[in-house]
Amino acid sequence: MNDQSVTANGRLIATKLPCTVEEFLVAQGLLPRSVVVEHNGEAVAPSEFSRRQLNAGDRLEIVKIVAGG
């Protein structure tokens, strides 16, 4: 059985794989519209979240968008 984890913001997170970026975000309690995601060093457009597959060992950087003024 494969290692069922990805690294997000430097933390190893166990998750059900394979899954999409969108499924991972929702599982982490994040709204896909409220974050910017980098997958294995590549920026991912929000329109790709539902199609981009995650696999064991992948690395994500997730930044929450904060509105303010």
C-alpha atoms as a PDB file:
ATOM      1  CA  MET A   1       0.000   0.000   0.000  1.00  0.00           C
ATOM      2  CA  ASN A   2       1.287   3.454  -0.893  1.00  0.00           C
ATOM      3  CA  ASP A   3       2.075   6.153   1.622  1.00  0.00           C
ATOM      4  CA  GLN A   4      -1.218   8.011   1.874  1.00  0.00           C
ATOM      5  CA  SER A   5       0.083  11.463   2.705  1.00  0.00           C
ATOM      6  CA  VAL A   6       1.027  14.766   1.141  1.00  0.00           C
ATOM      7  CA  THR A   7       3.068  17.630   2.547  1.00  0.00           C
ATOM      8  CA  ALA A   8       1.091  20.859   2.918  1.00  0.00           C
ATOM      9  CA  ASN A   9       2.871  23.985   4.133  1.00  0.00           C
ATOM     10  CA  GLY A  10       5.689  21.821   5.481  1.00  0.00           C
ATOM     11  CA  ARG A  11       3.395  19.475   7.443  1.00  0.00           C
ATOM     12  CA  LEU A  12       2.812  15.829   6.537  1.00  0.00           C
ATOM     13  CA  ILE A  13      -0.948  15.286   6.260  1.00  0.00           C
ATOM     14  CA  ALA A  14      -2.540  11.862   5.916  1.00  0.00           C
ATOM     15  CA  THR A  15      -5.322  11.873   3.341  1.00  0.00           C
ATOM     16  CA  LYS A  16      -7.307   9.568   1.083  1.00  0.00           C
ATOM     17  CA  LEU A  17      -5.415   9.331  -2.207  1.00  0.00           C
ATOM     18  CA  PRO A  18      -5.680   9.820  -5.059  1.00  0.00           C
ATOM     19  CA  CYS A  19      -7.844  12.911  -4.717  1.00  0.00           C
ATOM     20  CA  THR A  20      -8.121  16.290  -6.364  1.00  0.00           C
ATOM     21  CA  VAL A  21      -6.767  19.553  -4.972  1.00  0.00           C
ATOM     22  CA  GLU A  22     -10.378  20.630  -4.391  1.00  0.00           C
ATOM     23  CA  GLU A  23     -11.213  17.444  -2.438  1.00  0.00           C
ATOM     24  CA  PHE A  24      -8.081  17.887  -0.318  1.00  0.00           C
ATOM     25  CA  LEU A  25      -8.896  21.521   0.475  1.00  0.00           C
ATOM     26  CA  VAL A  26     -12.459  20.662   1.494  1.00  0.00           C
ATOM     27  CA  ALA A  27     -11.194  17.790   3.674  1.00  0.00           C
ATOM     28  CA  GLN A  28      -8.913  20.297   5.431  1.00  0.00           C
ATOM     29  CA  GLY A  29     -11.839  22.638   6.073  1.00  0.00           C
ATOM     30  CA  LEU A  30     -10.709  25.213   3.518  1.00  0.00           C
ATOM     31  CA  LEU A  31     -12.917  26.921   0.977  1.00  0.00           C
ATOM     32  CA  PRO A  32     -11.320  26.449  -2.459  1.00  0.00           C
ATOM     33  CA  ARG A  33     -12.260  30.030  -3.411  1.00  0.00           C
ATOM     34  CA  SER A  34     -10.377  31.427  -0.407  1.00  0.00           C
ATOM     35  CA  VAL A  35      -6.902  30.021  -1.090  1.00  0.00           C
ATOM     36  CA  VAL A  36      -4.003  30.114  -3.540  1.00  0.00           C
ATOM     37  CA  VAL A  37      -2.329  26.745  -4.156  1.00  0.00           C
ATOM     38  CA  GLU A  38       1.086  25.689  -5.400  1.00  0.00           C
ATOM     39  CA  HIS A  39       1.378  21.972  -6.272  1.00  0.00           C
ATOM     40  CA  ASN A  40       4.904  20.552  -6.510  1.00  0.00           C
ATOM     41  CA  GLY A  41       6.270  24.041  -7.190  1.00  0.00           C
ATOM     42  CA  GLU A  42       3.678  24.980  -9.829  1.00  0.00           C
ATOM     43  CA  ALA A  43       0.896  27.512  -9.258  1.00  0.00           C
ATOM     44  CA  VAL A  44      -2.551  25.973  -9.771  1.00  0.00           C
ATOM     45  CA  ALA A  45      -5.397  28.072 -11.187  1.00  0.00           C
ATOM     46  CA  PRO A  46      -8.623  27.789  -9.171  1.00  0.00           C
ATOM     47  CA  SER A  47     -10.337  26.442 -12.300  1.00  0.00           C
ATOM     48  CA  GLU A  48      -7.918  23.469 -12.141  1.00  0.00           C
ATOM     49  CA  PHE A  49      -8.595  22.538  -8.480  1.00  0.00           C
ATOM     50  CA  SER A  50     -11.304  20.023  -9.412  1.00  0.00           C
ATOM     51  CA  ARG A  51      -9.104  18.365 -12.080  1.00  0.00           C
ATOM     52  CA  ARG A  52      -5.606  18.415 -10.552  1.00  0.00           C
ATOM     53  CA  GLN A  53      -4.855  15.017  -8.992  1.00  0.00           C
ATOM     54  CA  LEU A  54      -2.776  14.643  -5.850  1.00  0.00           C
ATOM     55  CA  ASN A  55      -0.624  11.587  -5.286  1.00  0.00           C
ATOM     56  CA  ALA A  56       1.369  10.290  -2.329  1.00  0.00           C
ATOM     57  CA  GLY A  57       4.435  12.396  -1.620  1.00  0.00           C
ATOM     58  CA  ASP A  58       3.172  15.511  -3.397  1.00  0.00           C
ATOM     59  CA  ARG A  59       3.967  18.912  -1.902  1.00  0.00           C
ATOM     60  CA  LEU A  60       1.462  21.732  -1.547  1.00  0.00           C
ATOM     61  CA  GLU A  61       1.812  25.310  -0.435  1.00  0.00           C
ATOM     62  CA  ILE A  62      -1.568  26.767   0.518  1.00  0.00           C
ATOM     63  CA  VAL A  63      -2.022  30.461   1.249  1.00  0.00           C
ATOM     64  CA  LYS A  64      -5.297  31.844   2.553  1.00  0.00           C
ATOM     65  CA  ILE A  65      -6.527  34.969   0.782  1.00  0.00           C
ATOM     66  CA  VAL A  66      -7.362  37.669   3.307  1.00  0.00           C
ATOM     67  CA  ALA A  67      -9.532  40.566   2.220  1.00  0.00           C
ATOM     68  CA  GLY A  68      -9.030  43.784   4.069  1.00  0.00           C
ATOM     69  CA  GLY A  69      -8.344  47.412   3.732  1.00  0.00           C
END
